[in-house]
Amino acid sequence: MAAELHVELVAADRSVWSGEATLVVARTTSGDIGVMPGHQPLLGVLESGPVTIRTSEGGTVVAAVHGGFISFADNKLSLLAEIAELADEIDVQRAERALERAKSEENASAERRAEVRLRAVAGH
């Protein structure tokens, strides 16, 4: 069994993160899933939620992901998201304002996106 897997986190408009990792945790329509080297081949639908990547260097990368697909084969993990933002890129005050605005407009999907951004930052 290999000690690491190659991860590509890609949004519709850009490559967000790529590198070697020992563990990736993501939320799918079937629930949260952890992928380690040697995992069974996988294809799933991503739910909005934080994605946590444990890098081979021992660091942690957290991203807010909104929709898309996850696939794993031959120790290569691809996360193809509609929208993905690294926790480092998220403006907390802007996300909090977006959450308040979404609540006042009763916009459930915008509310969910803002909550996921804030959770990604908190988990970072």
C-alpha atoms as a PDB file:
ATOM      1  CA  MET A   1       0.000   0.000   0.000  1.00  0.00           C
ATOM      2  CA  ALA A   2       1.375   3.426  -0.991  1.00  0.00           C
ATOM      3  CA  ALA A   3       2.015   5.974   1.730  1.00  0.00           C
ATOM      4  CA  GLU A   4       0.453   8.891  -0.127  1.00  0.00           C
ATOM      5  CA  LEU A   5      -2.028   9.759  -2.824  1.00  0.00           C
ATOM      6  CA  HIS A   6      -2.026  12.480  -5.438  1.00  0.00           C
ATOM      7  CA  VAL A   7      -4.835  15.010  -4.955  1.00  0.00           C
ATOM      8  CA  GLU A   8      -6.257  17.502  -7.445  1.00  0.00           C
ATOM      9  CA  LEU A   9      -8.881  19.969  -6.196  1.00  0.00           C
ATOM     10  CA  VAL A  10     -10.275  21.809  -9.181  1.00  0.00           C
ATOM     11  CA  ALA A  11     -13.067  24.388  -9.397  1.00  0.00           C
ATOM     12  CA  ALA A  12     -14.955  25.228 -12.587  1.00  0.00           C
ATOM     13  CA  ASP A  13     -12.708  28.266 -13.142  1.00  0.00           C
ATOM     14  CA  ARG A  14      -9.293  27.221 -11.762  1.00  0.00           C
ATOM     15  CA  SER A  15      -7.034  24.654 -10.146  1.00  0.00           C
ATOM     16  CA  VAL A  16      -7.403  25.266  -6.398  1.00  0.00           C
ATOM     17  CA  TRP A  17      -4.859  22.842  -4.892  1.00  0.00           C
ATOM     18  CA  SER A  18      -2.799  19.866  -5.968  1.00  0.00           C
ATOM     19  CA  GLY A  19      -0.208  17.802  -4.193  1.00  0.00           C
ATOM     20  CA  GLU A  20       0.474  14.679  -2.185  1.00  0.00           C
ATOM     21  CA  ALA A  21      -1.670  13.723   0.790  1.00  0.00           C
ATOM     22  CA  THR A  22      -2.130  10.934   3.315  1.00  0.00           C
ATOM     23  CA  LEU A  23      -5.857  11.533   3.944  1.00  0.00           C
ATOM     24  CA  VAL A  24      -8.710  13.498   2.373  1.00  0.00           C
ATOM     25  CA  VAL A  25     -12.111  13.912   4.039  1.00  0.00           C
ATOM     26  CA  ALA A  26     -15.038  15.167   1.951  1.00  0.00           C
ATOM     27  CA  ARG A  27     -18.835  15.260   2.161  1.00  0.00           C
ATOM     28  CA  THR A  28     -20.735  13.253  -0.457  1.00  0.00           C
ATOM     29  CA  THR A  29     -24.421  12.601  -1.004  1.00  0.00           C
ATOM     30  CA  SER A  30     -23.811   9.281   0.818  1.00  0.00           C
ATOM     31  CA  GLY A  31     -22.219  11.016   3.839  1.00  0.00           C
ATOM     32  CA  ASP A  32     -18.707  12.001   4.874  1.00  0.00           C
ATOM     33  CA  ILE A  33     -15.932   9.900   3.359  1.00  0.00           C
ATOM     34  CA  GLY A  34     -12.253   9.586   4.185  1.00  0.00           C
ATOM     35  CA  VAL A  35      -9.890   8.518   1.420  1.00  0.00           C
ATOM     36  CA  MET A  36      -6.435   7.156   2.209  1.00  0.00           C
ATOM     37  CA  PRO A  37      -3.829   5.575  -0.083  1.00  0.00           C
ATOM     38  CA  GLY A  38      -5.015   2.193  -1.335  1.00  0.00           C
ATOM     39  CA  HIS A  39      -8.731   3.069  -1.054  1.00  0.00           C
ATOM     40  CA  GLN A  40     -11.157   1.208  -3.313  1.00  0.00           C
ATOM     41  CA  PRO A  41     -11.933   2.994  -6.600  1.00  0.00           C
ATOM     42  CA  LEU A  42     -14.636   5.583  -5.971  1.00  0.00           C
ATOM     43  CA  LEU A  43     -16.952   7.911  -7.855  1.00  0.00           C
ATOM     44  CA  GLY A  44     -19.337  10.128  -5.906  1.00  0.00           C
ATOM     45  CA  VAL A  45     -21.269  13.384  -5.888  1.00  0.00           C
ATOM     46  CA  LEU A  46     -19.931  16.132  -3.596  1.00  0.00           C
ATOM     47  CA  GLU A  47     -22.264  17.951  -1.237  1.00  0.00           C
ATOM     48  CA  SER A  48     -21.536  21.485  -0.080  1.00  0.00           C
ATOM     49  CA  GLY A  49     -19.152  21.123   2.824  1.00  0.00           C
ATOM     50  CA  PRO A  50     -15.577  21.468   3.967  1.00  0.00           C
ATOM     51  CA  VAL A  51     -12.890  19.281   2.417  1.00  0.00           C
ATOM     52  CA  THR A  52      -9.896  18.526   4.638  1.00  0.00           C
ATOM     53  CA  ILE A  53      -6.603  17.431   3.100  1.00  0.00           C
ATOM     54  CA  ARG A  54      -3.797  16.090   5.300  1.00  0.00           C
ATOM     55  CA  THR A  55      -0.671  16.761   3.276  1.00  0.00           C
ATOM     56  CA  SER A  56       2.313  14.442   3.099  1.00  0.00           C
ATOM     57  CA  GLU A  57       4.383  17.128   4.854  1.00  0.00           C
ATOM     58  CA  GLY A  58       2.053  16.922   7.871  1.00  0.00           C
ATOM     59  CA  GLY A  59       0.103  20.100   7.144  1.00  0.00           C
ATOM     60  CA  THR A  60      -3.629  20.537   6.709  1.00  0.00           C
ATOM     61  CA  VAL A  61      -5.433  22.229   3.828  1.00  0.00           C
ATOM     62  CA  VAL A  62      -9.121  23.048   4.285  1.00  0.00           C
ATOM     63  CA  ALA A  63     -11.415  24.205   1.480  1.00  0.00           C
ATOM     64  CA  ALA A  64     -15.084  25.094   1.209  1.00  0.00           C
ATOM     65  CA  VAL A  65     -16.532  23.068  -1.669  1.00  0.00           C
ATOM     66  CA  HIS A  66     -19.937  23.573  -3.261  1.00  0.00           C
ATOM     67  CA  GLY A  67     -21.169  20.763  -5.507  1.00  0.00           C
ATOM     68  CA  GLY A  68     -19.271  18.612  -7.970  1.00  0.00           C
ATOM     69  CA  PHE A  69     -17.750  15.134  -8.094  1.00  0.00           C
ATOM     70  CA  ILE A  70     -15.096  13.073  -6.334  1.00  0.00           C
ATOM     71  CA  SER A  71     -13.233  10.218  -8.008  1.00  0.00           C
ATOM     72  CA  PHE A  72     -10.419   7.977  -6.854  1.00  0.00           C
ATOM     73  CA  ALA A  73      -8.407   5.345  -8.731  1.00  0.00           C
ATOM     74  CA  ASP A  74      -4.737   4.313  -8.846  1.00  0.00           C
ATOM     75  CA  ASN A  75      -3.912   6.530  -5.837  1.00  0.00           C
ATOM     76  CA  LYS A  76      -5.141   9.625  -7.693  1.00  0.00           C
ATOM     77  CA  LEU A  77      -7.975  11.577  -6.066  1.00  0.00           C
ATOM     78  CA  SER A  78      -9.835  14.197  -8.080  1.00  0.00           C
ATOM     79  CA  LEU A  79     -12.280  16.642  -6.542  1.00  0.00           C
ATOM     80  CA  LEU A  80     -14.063  18.475  -9.360  1.00  0.00           C
ATOM     81  CA  ALA A  81     -16.111  21.212  -7.724  1.00  0.00           C
ATOM     82  CA  GLU A  82     -18.507  23.800  -9.063  1.00  0.00           C
ATOM     83  CA  ILE A  83     -17.018  26.256  -6.541  1.00  0.00           C
ATOM     84  CA  ALA A  84     -14.045  25.705  -4.215  1.00  0.00           C
ATOM     85  CA  GLU A  85     -12.248  28.163  -1.956  1.00  0.00           C
ATOM     86  CA  LEU A  86      -9.280  27.510   0.293  1.00  0.00           C
ATOM     87  CA  ALA A  87      -9.906  28.562   3.895  1.00  0.00           C
ATOM     88  CA  ASP A  88      -6.964  30.991   3.554  1.00  0.00           C
ATOM     89  CA  GLU A  89      -8.818  32.798   0.736  1.00  0.00           C
ATOM     90  CA  ILE A  90     -12.111  33.253   2.552  1.00  0.00           C
ATOM     91  CA  ASP A  91     -12.937  36.723   3.856  1.00  0.00           C
ATOM     92  CA  VAL A  92     -14.647  35.914   7.164  1.00  0.00           C
ATOM     93  CA  GLN A  93     -16.433  39.255   7.504  1.00  0.00           C
ATOM     94  CA  ARG A  94     -17.728  39.033   3.937  1.00  0.00           C
ATOM     95  CA  ALA A  95     -18.964  35.454   4.564  1.00  0.00           C
ATOM     96  CA  GLU A  96     -20.693  36.565   7.793  1.00  0.00           C
ATOM     97  CA  ARG A  97     -22.411  39.432   5.939  1.00  0.00           C
ATOM     98  CA  ALA A  98     -23.476  37.013   3.179  1.00  0.00           C
ATOM     99  CA  LEU A  99     -24.904  34.661   5.822  1.00  0.00           C
ATOM    100  CA  GLU A 100     -26.943  37.458   7.421  1.00  0.00           C
ATOM    101  CA  ARG A 101     -28.169  38.652   4.019  1.00  0.00           C
ATOM    102  CA  ALA A 102     -29.158  35.107   2.994  1.00  0.00           C
ATOM    103  CA  LYS A 103     -31.046  34.612   6.271  1.00  0.00           C
ATOM    104  CA  SER A 104     -32.959  37.893   5.837  1.00  0.00           C
ATOM    105  CA  GLU A 105     -33.828  36.951   2.237  1.00  0.00           C
ATOM    106  CA  GLU A 106     -34.632  33.360   3.277  1.00  0.00           C
ATOM    107  CA  ASN A 107     -32.257  32.156   0.570  1.00  0.00           C
ATOM    108  CA  ALA A 108     -31.397  28.640   1.769  1.00  0.00           C
ATOM    109  CA  SER A 109     -28.706  27.848  -0.828  1.00  0.00           C
ATOM    110  CA  ALA A 110     -26.854  31.148  -0.248  1.00  0.00           C
ATOM    111  CA  GLU A 111     -27.163  30.571   3.503  1.00  0.00           C
ATOM    112  CA  ARG A 112     -25.641  27.095   3.112  1.00  0.00           C
ATOM    113  CA  ARG A 113     -22.716  28.416   1.004  1.00  0.00           C
ATOM    114  CA  ALA A 114     -21.930  31.082   3.614  1.00  0.00           C
ATOM    115  CA  GLU A 115     -22.128  28.555   6.474  1.00  0.00           C
ATOM    116  CA  VAL A 116     -19.756  26.185   4.632  1.00  0.00           C
ATOM    117  CA  ARG A 117     -17.246  29.029   4.098  1.00  0.00           C
ATOM    118  CA  LEU A 118     -17.324  29.878   7.797  1.00  0.00           C
ATOM    119  CA  ARG A 119     -17.001  26.187   8.796  1.00  0.00           C
ATOM    120  CA  ALA A 120     -13.984  25.806   6.491  1.00  0.00           C
ATOM    121  CA  VAL A 121     -12.284  28.771   8.153  1.00  0.00           C
ATOM    122  CA  ALA A 122     -13.144  27.478  11.641  1.00  0.00           C
ATOM    123  CA  GLY A 123     -11.750  24.024  10.796  1.00  0.00           C
ATOM    124  CA  HIS A 124      -8.573  25.531   9.387  1.00  0.00           C
END
